Amino acid sequence: MAFTTREQRHDIQKQARDTVKDLHDKTETIQGVKGDKLRARYQLIKEQVEKLTDEKGELFSLPVCRAELLELAKNEYKKNRQEFAIQGLLREHLAGCQGNRCYPFDPATARVGLVTESNVWRLLFLVFTEKDIEEVVATLPDIGISADEREKRMREIDKQIEKLLSQVEKDLKEI
């Protein structure tokens, strides 16, 4: 095509520039809209995962049911009674009497070596019995959730989180 006039050439160049500018404007709009939609989508996924993670953490803050409390209290009582009262207090007292040739449970010896300010808390495990624990727990309201219910809820939350994460993984593979 021969350019006959400068104006024609200028018009063709302007038309080309206008076409490129129009294309640029349209692609920017598309990228902006799609980008905004993508950002919004992934922001929503992040917020949902954060919310579910918080819910999962809150399950550990819920009160426990009486049966679970009783089991926990008795197990801790047995373990701590053996460790702190029997081994930590009684054994230390008797070993001290053996080494110092003192009389076990002598009031003077007990005040100095057995019932000290740093040991007095250990007597707690000798004051209460498992029966005491059972009786007190039986009087408490059964307001909490069981370990089974807590685990069930956690599995449900984990499934929801996994579903959201799999959407992101799928999108990553498509890139």
Protein backbone atom coordinates (compact mmCIF):
# COMPACT_ATOMS: atom_id res chain seq x y z
CA MET A 1 0.00 0.00 0.00
CA ALA A 2 1.44 3.28 -0.99
CA PHE A 3 1.05 6.25 1.25
CA THR A 4 -0.26 9.02 -0.77
CA THR A 5 -0.47 11.60 1.90
CA ARG A 6 1.11 12.32 5.17
CA GLU A 7 -2.32 12.58 6.76
CA GLN A 8 -3.23 9.04 5.69
CA ARG A 9 -0.02 7.71 7.17
CA HIS A 10 -0.61 9.67 10.34
CA ASP A 11 -4.21 8.38 10.54
CA ILE A 12 -3.07 4.76 10.13
CA GLN A 13 -0.41 5.17 12.83
CA LYS A 14 -2.92 6.84 15.15
CA GLN A 15 -5.37 4.03 14.49
CA ALA A 16 -2.67 1.48 15.37
CA ARG A 17 -1.76 3.37 18.54
CA ASP A 18 -5.43 3.64 19.49
CA THR A 19 -5.89 -0.09 18.88
CA VAL A 20 -2.86 -0.93 21.07
CA LYS A 21 -4.02 1.50 23.77
CA ASP A 22 -7.54 0.08 23.68
CA LEU A 23 -6.14 -3.44 23.93
CA HIS A 24 -3.90 -2.38 26.81
CA ASP A 25 -6.81 -0.72 28.65
CA LYS A 26 -9.03 -3.78 28.19
CA THR A 27 -6.35 -6.24 29.31
CA GLU A 28 -5.55 -4.06 32.33
CA THR A 29 -9.23 -4.03 33.23
CA ILE A 30 -9.49 -7.81 32.82
CA GLN A 31 -6.33 -8.41 34.84
CA GLY A 32 -7.50 -6.01 37.54
CA VAL A 33 -10.93 -7.58 37.83
CA LYS A 34 -9.60 -11.13 37.70
CA GLY A 35 -6.78 -10.23 40.05
CA ASP A 36 -9.24 -8.67 42.49
CA LYS A 37 -11.43 -11.76 42.28
CA LEU A 38 -8.44 -14.05 42.84
CA ARG A 39 -7.20 -11.96 45.76
CA ALA A 40 -10.68 -11.97 47.27
CA ARG A 41 -11.02 -15.73 46.77
CA TYR A 42 -7.70 -16.54 48.42
CA GLN A 43 -8.29 -14.01 51.17
CA LEU A 44 -11.59 -15.75 51.92
CA ILE A 45 -9.84 -19.14 51.99
CA LYS A 46 -7.18 -17.77 54.36
CA GLU A 47 -9.84 -16.29 56.64
CA GLN A 48 -11.81 -19.55 56.66
CA VAL A 49 -8.70 -21.60 57.51
CA GLU A 50 -7.78 -19.15 60.29
CA LYS A 51 -11.32 -19.30 61.69
CA LEU A 52 -11.32 -23.10 61.61
CA THR A 53 -7.90 -23.23 63.24
CA ASP A 54 -9.16 -20.93 66.00
CA GLU A 55 -12.23 -23.14 66.48
CA LYS A 56 -9.97 -26.15 66.77
CA GLY A 57 -7.90 -24.41 69.44
CA GLU A 58 -11.04 -23.36 71.32
CA LEU A 59 -12.03 -27.01 71.67
CA PHE A 60 -9.23 -27.36 74.20
CA SER A 61 -10.67 -24.49 76.25
CA LEU A 62 -14.08 -26.08 76.62
CA PRO A 63 -14.96 -27.64 79.97
CA VAL A 64 -14.42 -31.38 80.23
CA CYS A 65 -17.19 -33.80 81.11
CA ARG A 66 -17.31 -35.32 84.59
CA ALA A 67 -16.12 -38.75 83.44
CA GLU A 68 -13.05 -37.27 81.77
CA LEU A 69 -12.36 -35.02 84.76
CA LEU A 70 -12.60 -37.97 87.14
CA GLU A 71 -10.22 -40.07 85.06
CA LEU A 72 -7.76 -37.18 84.71
CA ALA A 73 -7.91 -36.28 88.41
CA LYS A 74 -7.40 -39.86 89.57
CA ASN A 75 -4.50 -40.46 87.18
CA GLU A 76 -2.76 -37.23 88.18
CA TYR A 77 -3.43 -37.93 91.84
CA LYS A 78 -1.89 -41.41 91.66
CA LYS A 79 1.14 -40.23 89.70
CA ASN A 80 1.77 -37.15 91.83
CA ARG A 81 1.05 -38.92 95.13
CA GLN A 82 3.68 -41.53 94.30
CA GLU A 83 6.19 -39.02 92.94
CA PHE A 84 5.83 -36.13 95.37
CA ALA A 85 4.41 -37.58 98.60
CA ILE A 86 5.72 -41.13 98.76
CA GLN A 87 9.05 -40.87 96.95
CA GLY A 88 9.68 -37.17 97.40
CA LEU A 89 8.54 -36.74 101.00
CA LEU A 90 8.31 -40.08 102.79
CA ARG A 91 11.35 -41.67 101.16
CA GLU A 92 13.45 -38.55 101.77
CA HIS A 93 12.34 -38.49 105.41
CA LEU A 94 13.15 -42.16 106.00
CA ALA A 95 16.48 -41.93 104.15
CA GLY A 96 17.38 -38.91 106.28
CA CYS A 97 16.48 -40.80 109.45
CA GLN A 98 18.57 -43.74 108.32
CA GLY A 99 21.60 -41.60 107.58
CA ASN A 100 21.31 -39.40 110.66
CA ARG A 101 20.13 -42.18 112.96
CA CYS A 102 16.98 -40.19 113.81
CA TYR A 103 13.64 -41.64 114.80
CA PRO A 104 11.14 -41.70 111.91
CA PHE A 105 8.13 -39.45 112.43
CA ASP A 106 9.57 -37.98 115.61
CA PRO A 107 7.81 -34.61 116.03
CA ALA A 108 11.08 -32.71 116.32
CA THR A 109 12.53 -34.42 113.25
CA ALA A 110 9.30 -34.00 111.30
CA ARG A 111 9.18 -30.24 111.94
CA VAL A 112 12.75 -29.78 110.74
CA GLY A 113 12.99 -32.23 107.85
CA LEU A 114 9.54 -33.47 106.90
CA VAL A 115 7.12 -30.57 107.23
CA THR A 116 9.11 -27.68 105.84
CA GLU A 117 7.79 -24.70 103.96
CA SER A 118 9.12 -26.11 100.70
CA ASN A 119 7.60 -29.56 101.37
CA VAL A 120 4.22 -28.66 102.82
CA TRP A 121 2.46 -28.71 99.42
CA ARG A 122 3.46 -32.38 99.05
CA LEU A 123 1.21 -33.23 102.00
CA LEU A 124 -1.75 -32.40 99.79
CA PHE A 125 -1.39 -35.81 98.17
CA LEU A 126 -1.67 -37.49 101.57
CA VAL A 127 -4.72 -35.49 102.66
CA PHE A 128 -7.11 -36.55 99.89
CA THR A 129 -8.04 -40.04 98.74
CA GLU A 130 -9.34 -41.38 95.44
CA LYS A 131 -12.72 -41.80 97.15
CA ASP A 132 -12.69 -38.07 98.03
CA ILE A 133 -12.02 -37.25 94.38
CA GLU A 134 -14.85 -39.52 93.19
CA GLU A 135 -17.32 -38.00 95.66
CA VAL A 136 -16.47 -34.40 94.78
CA VAL A 137 -16.52 -34.96 91.01
CA ALA A 138 -19.94 -36.64 91.34
CA THR A 139 -21.32 -33.38 92.76
CA LEU A 140 -20.10 -31.26 89.84
CA PRO A 141 -22.41 -30.45 86.93
CA ASP A 142 -21.75 -32.44 83.77
CA ILE A 143 -21.25 -29.40 81.56
CA GLY A 144 -18.28 -30.32 79.41
CA ILE A 145 -17.69 -32.35 76.30
CA SER A 146 -16.13 -35.77 76.19
CA ALA A 147 -12.77 -36.53 74.63
CA ASP A 148 -14.61 -38.48 71.91
CA GLU A 149 -16.78 -35.49 71.05
CA ARG A 150 -13.75 -33.19 71.04
CA GLU A 151 -11.87 -35.54 68.71
CA LYS A 152 -14.93 -35.87 66.44
CA ARG A 153 -15.20 -32.08 66.12
CA MET A 154 -11.48 -31.81 65.46
CA ARG A 155 -11.70 -34.38 62.65
CA GLU A 156 -14.60 -32.43 61.11
CA ILE A 157 -12.59 -29.20 61.25
CA ASP A 158 -9.54 -30.94 59.79
CA LYS A 159 -11.65 -32.17 56.87
CA GLN A 160 -12.90 -28.64 56.19
CA ILE A 161 -9.37 -27.25 56.34
CA GLU A 162 -8.08 -29.99 54.04
CA LYS A 163 -10.83 -29.21 51.51
CA LEU A 164 -9.85 -25.53 51.46
CA LEU A 165 -6.15 -26.31 51.17
CA SER A 166 -6.78 -28.76 48.35
CA GLN A 167 -8.43 -25.96 46.35
CA VAL A 168 -5.25 -23.93 46.63
CA GLU A 169 -3.08 -26.94 45.75
CA LYS A 170 -5.24 -27.60 42.69
CA ASP A 171 -4.85 -23.99 41.55
CA LEU A 172 -1.09 -24.20 42.02
CA LYS A 173 -0.87 -27.27 39.82
CA GLU A 174 -2.79 -25.48 37.07
CA ILE A 175 -0.22 -22.69 36.92
